[in-house]
Amino acid sequence: MTGSYLNLLGLANRAGKCVFGEEQIIKDIQHGQSKLVILAKDIGPQTKKKLTDKCKYYQIPYVFADDRDTLSHAVGKSSRVAISIQDSGFAKKLNALLGETNRG
């Protein structure tokens, strides 16, 4: 099951629907452009708190996925601990694949 969401994540990235970087993700959340935020399970405590608090305040769903290496590999970038999905279709499907068990 894990592999299918990683393939979809790679596809979303190639389609230009992923945003990276803490500050840019926060801007995305504040402007309502983010449809889902995917966080690595090994994200740092400060970044985790900042991003989850923003998601809760702006009512953006977020999920915890694999570690930073797995997420980074899926999108072909290094050291990614958070990914904002900007497309509702991708967000809905990724949310379904990641399931209820990974909710923050």
N, C-alpha and C. Protein backbone atom coordinates (compact mmCIF):
# COMPACT_ATOMS: atom_id res chain seq x y z
N MET A 1 0.82 -1.20 0.00
CA MET A 1 0.00 0.00 0.00
C MET A 1 0.86 1.26 0.00
N THR A 2 1.96 1.24 0.75
CA THR A 2 2.82 2.41 0.85
C THR A 2 3.31 2.85 -0.52
N GLY A 3 3.69 1.89 -1.35
CA GLY A 3 4.22 2.21 -2.67
C GLY A 3 3.27 2.99 -3.54
N SER A 4 1.97 2.69 -3.47
CA SER A 4 1.02 3.37 -4.35
C SER A 4 0.90 4.86 -4.04
N TYR A 5 0.95 5.22 -2.77
CA TYR A 5 0.86 6.65 -2.46
C TYR A 5 2.15 7.37 -2.88
N LEU A 6 3.29 6.67 -2.80
CA LEU A 6 4.56 7.27 -3.21
C LEU A 6 4.59 7.51 -4.72
N ASN A 7 4.02 6.58 -5.48
CA ASN A 7 3.93 6.77 -6.93
C ASN A 7 3.06 7.98 -7.25
N LEU A 8 1.94 8.09 -6.56
CA LEU A 8 1.02 9.21 -6.77
C LEU A 8 1.67 10.53 -6.37
N LEU A 9 2.44 10.50 -5.30
CA LEU A 9 3.15 11.69 -4.84
C LEU A 9 4.16 12.15 -5.91
N GLY A 10 4.86 11.19 -6.50
CA GLY A 10 5.80 11.50 -7.58
C GLY A 10 5.08 12.10 -8.78
N LEU A 11 3.92 11.55 -9.10
CA LEU A 11 3.11 12.04 -10.20
C LEU A 11 2.64 13.47 -9.93
N ALA A 12 2.18 13.72 -8.71
CA ALA A 12 1.72 15.07 -8.31
C ALA A 12 2.86 16.06 -8.43
N ASN A 13 4.06 15.64 -8.05
CA ASN A 13 5.22 16.51 -8.14
C ASN A 13 5.55 16.83 -9.60
N ARG A 14 5.53 15.80 -10.45
CA ARG A 14 5.81 16.02 -11.87
C ARG A 14 4.75 16.90 -12.52
N ALA A 15 3.55 16.86 -11.98
CA ALA A 15 2.46 17.69 -12.51
C ALA A 15 2.54 19.13 -11.97
N GLY A 16 3.52 19.37 -11.11
CA GLY A 16 3.71 20.72 -10.57
C GLY A 16 2.72 21.08 -9.47
N LYS A 17 2.20 20.07 -8.77
CA LYS A 17 1.18 20.31 -7.74
C LYS A 17 1.72 20.20 -6.32
N CYS A 18 3.05 20.10 -6.17
CA CYS A 18 3.66 19.99 -4.84
C CYS A 18 4.46 21.24 -4.52
N VAL A 19 4.40 21.65 -3.27
CA VAL A 19 5.19 22.79 -2.80
C VAL A 19 6.04 22.31 -1.64
N PHE A 20 7.31 22.77 -1.60
CA PHE A 20 8.26 22.35 -0.57
C PHE A 20 8.79 23.57 0.16
N GLY A 21 9.33 23.34 1.32
CA GLY A 21 9.93 24.42 2.10
C GLY A 21 8.92 24.97 3.10
N GLU A 22 9.35 25.01 4.34
CA GLU A 22 8.47 25.40 5.44
C GLU A 22 7.75 26.73 5.20
N GLU A 23 8.50 27.78 4.83
CA GLU A 23 7.89 29.10 4.64
C GLU A 23 6.88 29.11 3.51
N GLN A 24 7.24 28.46 2.39
CA GLN A 24 6.33 28.42 1.25
C GLN A 24 5.07 27.62 1.56
N ILE A 25 5.22 26.54 2.31
CA ILE A 25 4.06 25.74 2.70
C ILE A 25 3.14 26.55 3.61
N ILE A 26 3.71 27.31 4.53
CA ILE A 26 2.90 28.16 5.42
C ILE A 26 2.13 29.20 4.61
N LYS A 27 2.79 29.80 3.62
CA LYS A 27 2.10 30.78 2.74
C LYS A 27 0.95 30.10 2.01
N ASP A 28 1.22 28.89 1.51
CA ASP A 28 0.20 28.11 0.80
C ASP A 28 -1.02 27.85 1.69
N ILE A 29 -0.74 27.47 2.93
CA ILE A 29 -1.82 27.18 3.90
C ILE A 29 -2.63 28.46 4.14
N GLN A 30 -1.93 29.56 4.40
CA GLN A 30 -2.60 30.83 4.71
C GLN A 30 -3.45 31.35 3.54
N HIS A 31 -3.00 31.09 2.32
CA HIS A 31 -3.73 31.57 1.15
C HIS A 31 -4.75 30.55 0.63
N GLY A 32 -4.90 29.45 1.35
CA GLY A 32 -5.90 28.45 0.96
C GLY A 32 -5.53 27.65 -0.28
N GLN A 33 -4.25 27.68 -0.66
CA GLN A 33 -3.83 26.95 -1.85
C GLN A 33 -3.48 25.50 -1.54
N SER A 34 -3.16 25.23 -0.30
CA SER A 34 -2.80 23.87 0.10
C SER A 34 -4.07 23.05 0.36
N LYS A 35 -4.13 21.87 -0.23
CA LYS A 35 -5.29 20.99 -0.04
C LYS A 35 -4.98 19.86 0.93
N LEU A 36 -3.69 19.57 1.09
CA LEU A 36 -3.23 18.52 2.00
C LEU A 36 -1.75 18.74 2.29
N VAL A 37 -1.36 18.56 3.54
CA VAL A 37 0.06 18.66 3.89
C VAL A 37 0.50 17.28 4.37
N ILE A 38 1.56 16.77 3.75
CA ILE A 38 2.12 15.47 4.13
C ILE A 38 3.40 15.74 4.91
N LEU A 39 3.47 15.19 6.10
CA LEU A 39 4.63 15.40 6.97
C LEU A 39 5.37 14.08 7.18
N ALA A 40 6.69 14.16 7.22
CA ALA A 40 7.49 12.97 7.50
C ALA A 40 7.36 12.64 8.98
N LYS A 41 7.39 11.36 9.30
CA LYS A 41 7.29 10.95 10.71
C LYS A 41 8.49 11.40 11.53
N ASP A 42 9.61 11.67 10.86
CA ASP A 42 10.80 12.11 11.60
C ASP A 42 11.05 13.62 11.47
N ILE A 43 9.98 14.38 11.28
CA ILE A 43 10.07 15.84 11.21
C ILE A 43 10.48 16.39 12.58
N GLY A 44 11.22 17.48 12.59
CA GLY A 44 11.66 18.08 13.86
C GLY A 44 10.47 18.63 14.64
N PRO A 45 10.55 18.64 15.98
CA PRO A 45 9.42 19.06 16.81
C PRO A 45 8.94 20.49 16.57
N GLN A 46 9.87 21.42 16.31
CA GLN A 46 9.46 22.82 16.09
C GLN A 46 8.72 22.97 14.76
N THR A 47 9.27 22.38 13.72
CA THR A 47 8.64 22.43 12.40
C THR A 47 7.29 21.73 12.44
N LYS A 48 7.25 20.59 13.11
CA LYS A 48 6.01 19.83 13.24
C LYS A 48 4.93 20.68 13.90
N LYS A 49 5.27 21.33 15.01
CA LYS A 49 4.30 22.15 15.73
C LYS A 49 3.83 23.33 14.87
N LYS A 50 4.78 24.00 14.24
CA LYS A 50 4.44 25.18 13.42
C LYS A 50 3.48 24.79 12.29
N LEU A 51 3.80 23.71 11.57
CA LEU A 51 2.98 23.31 10.43
C LEU A 51 1.63 22.73 10.85
N THR A 52 1.61 21.90 11.90
CA THR A 52 0.34 21.31 12.32
C THR A 52 -0.58 22.39 12.91
N ASP A 53 -0.01 23.35 13.64
CA ASP A 53 -0.81 24.45 14.18
C ASP A 53 -1.45 25.27 13.05
N LYS A 54 -0.67 25.57 12.02
CA LYS A 54 -1.19 26.33 10.86
C LYS A 54 -2.30 25.54 10.17
N CYS A 55 -2.06 24.23 9.98
CA CYS A 55 -3.06 23.39 9.33
C CYS A 55 -4.37 23.38 10.12
N LYS A 56 -4.26 23.24 11.44
CA LYS A 56 -5.46 23.22 12.28
C LYS A 56 -6.19 24.55 12.21
N TYR A 57 -5.45 25.65 12.31
CA TYR A 57 -6.06 26.98 12.30
C TYR A 57 -6.79 27.25 10.99
N TYR A 58 -6.15 26.89 9.87
CA TYR A 58 -6.74 27.16 8.56
C TYR A 58 -7.55 25.97 8.03
N GLN A 59 -7.72 24.96 8.85
CA GLN A 59 -8.52 23.77 8.52
C GLN A 59 -8.05 23.07 7.24
N ILE A 60 -6.74 22.86 7.18
CA ILE A 60 -6.14 22.13 6.06
C ILE A 60 -5.79 20.73 6.60
N PRO A 61 -6.25 19.68 5.93
CA PRO A 61 -5.91 18.33 6.42
C PRO A 61 -4.42 18.05 6.30
N TYR A 62 -3.91 17.29 7.26
CA TYR A 62 -2.50 16.88 7.19
C TYR A 62 -2.39 15.44 7.66
N VAL A 63 -1.38 14.76 7.13
CA VAL A 63 -1.15 13.36 7.48
C VAL A 63 0.35 13.14 7.68
N PHE A 64 0.66 12.14 8.49
CA PHE A 64 2.05 11.74 8.67
C PHE A 64 2.30 10.54 7.79
N ALA A 65 3.40 10.58 7.05
CA ALA A 65 3.74 9.48 6.15
C ALA A 65 5.07 8.89 6.59
N ASP A 66 5.80 8.34 5.65
CA ASP A 66 7.08 7.72 5.97
C ASP A 66 8.12 8.72 6.46
N ASP A 67 9.36 8.28 6.54
CA ASP A 67 10.43 9.19 6.99
C ASP A 67 10.86 10.12 5.85
N ARG A 68 11.70 11.08 6.19
CA ARG A 68 12.12 12.10 5.22
C ARG A 68 12.81 11.50 4.00
N ASP A 69 13.58 10.42 4.17
CA ASP A 69 14.27 9.82 3.03
C ASP A 69 13.28 9.24 2.01
N THR A 70 12.25 8.58 2.52
CA THR A 70 11.25 7.97 1.63
C THR A 70 10.48 9.05 0.88
N LEU A 71 10.04 10.10 1.60
CA LEU A 71 9.31 11.20 0.96
C LEU A 71 10.20 11.92 -0.06
N SER A 72 11.44 12.19 0.33
CA SER A 72 12.37 12.89 -0.56
C SER A 72 12.60 12.09 -1.84
N HIS A 73 12.79 10.78 -1.69
CA HIS A 73 13.02 9.91 -2.84
C HIS A 73 11.81 9.94 -3.79
N ALA A 74 10.61 9.94 -3.23
CA ALA A 74 9.38 9.90 -4.04
C ALA A 74 9.25 11.14 -4.94
N VAL A 75 9.75 12.27 -4.46
CA VAL A 75 9.63 13.50 -5.25
C VAL A 75 10.95 13.90 -5.92
N GLY A 76 11.97 13.06 -5.74
CA GLY A 76 13.25 13.32 -6.39
C GLY A 76 14.01 14.52 -5.85
N LYS A 77 13.81 14.83 -4.58
CA LYS A 77 14.53 15.94 -3.94
C LYS A 77 15.13 15.41 -2.65
N SER A 78 16.02 16.19 -2.03
CA SER A 78 16.63 15.70 -0.80
C SER A 78 16.11 16.43 0.43
N SER A 79 16.12 15.74 1.54
CA SER A 79 15.76 16.29 2.86
C SER A 79 14.40 17.00 2.90
N ARG A 80 13.38 16.35 2.39
CA ARG A 80 12.02 16.93 2.45
C ARG A 80 11.27 16.33 3.63
N VAL A 81 10.84 17.18 4.55
CA VAL A 81 10.08 16.68 5.71
C VAL A 81 8.60 17.07 5.60
N ALA A 82 8.28 17.99 4.68
CA ALA A 82 6.89 18.41 4.51
C ALA A 82 6.63 18.70 3.04
N ILE A 83 5.44 18.30 2.60
CA ILE A 83 5.05 18.53 1.21
C ILE A 83 3.61 19.03 1.22
N SER A 84 3.38 20.13 0.54
CA SER A 84 2.02 20.66 0.40
C SER A 84 1.50 20.26 -0.97
N ILE A 85 0.30 19.67 -0.99
CA ILE A 85 -0.34 19.27 -2.25
C ILE A 85 -1.35 20.35 -2.61
N GLN A 86 -1.24 20.89 -3.83
CA GLN A 86 -2.10 22.01 -4.24
C GLN A 86 -3.29 21.61 -5.10
N ASP A 87 -3.44 20.35 -5.35
CA ASP A 87 -4.54 19.91 -6.22
C ASP A 87 -5.51 19.05 -5.42
N SER A 88 -6.80 19.38 -5.47
CA SER A 88 -7.78 18.64 -4.65
C SER A 88 -7.88 17.17 -5.05
N GLY A 89 -7.75 16.87 -6.33
CA GLY A 89 -7.83 15.49 -6.79
C GLY A 89 -6.70 14.65 -6.20
N PHE A 90 -5.47 15.15 -6.32
CA PHE A 90 -4.32 14.45 -5.76
C PHE A 90 -4.46 14.35 -4.24
N ALA A 91 -4.87 15.47 -3.62
CA ALA A 91 -4.99 15.51 -2.16
C ALA A 91 -5.99 14.46 -1.67
N LYS A 92 -7.12 14.37 -2.34
CA LYS A 92 -8.18 13.44 -1.94
C LYS A 92 -7.68 11.99 -2.03
N LYS A 93 -7.03 11.69 -3.15
CA LYS A 93 -6.54 10.32 -3.38
C LYS A 93 -5.41 9.96 -2.40
N LEU A 94 -4.48 10.90 -2.19
CA LEU A 94 -3.38 10.66 -1.25
C LEU A 94 -3.92 10.47 0.16
N ASN A 95 -4.89 11.29 0.52
CA ASN A 95 -5.52 11.19 1.84
C ASN A 95 -6.15 9.82 2.02
N ALA A 96 -6.82 9.33 0.99
CA ALA A 96 -7.47 8.02 1.04
C ALA A 96 -6.41 6.91 1.14
N LEU A 97 -5.34 7.02 0.37
CA LEU A 97 -4.29 5.99 0.39
C LEU A 97 -3.55 5.95 1.71
N LEU A 98 -3.33 7.12 2.30
CA LEU A 98 -2.59 7.18 3.56
C LEU A 98 -3.47 6.75 4.73
N GLY A 99 -4.78 6.89 4.55
CA GLY A 99 -5.73 6.36 5.53
C GLY A 99 -5.80 7.08 6.86
N GLU A 100 -6.75 6.64 7.66
CA GLU A 100 -7.03 7.25 8.95
C GLU A 100 -5.91 7.06 9.97
N THR A 101 -5.12 6.02 9.81
CA THR A 101 -4.10 5.71 10.82
C THR A 101 -2.99 6.75 10.91
N ASN A 102 -2.82 7.55 9.87
CA ASN A 102 -1.70 8.51 9.86
C ASN A 102 -2.12 9.94 10.19
N ARG A 103 -3.34 10.13 10.63
CA ARG A 103 -3.81 11.48 10.93
C ARG A 103 -3.05 12.07 12.10
N GLY A 104 -2.88 13.38 12.04
CA GLY A 104 -2.20 14.09 13.13
C GLY A 104 -3.11 14.35 14.28
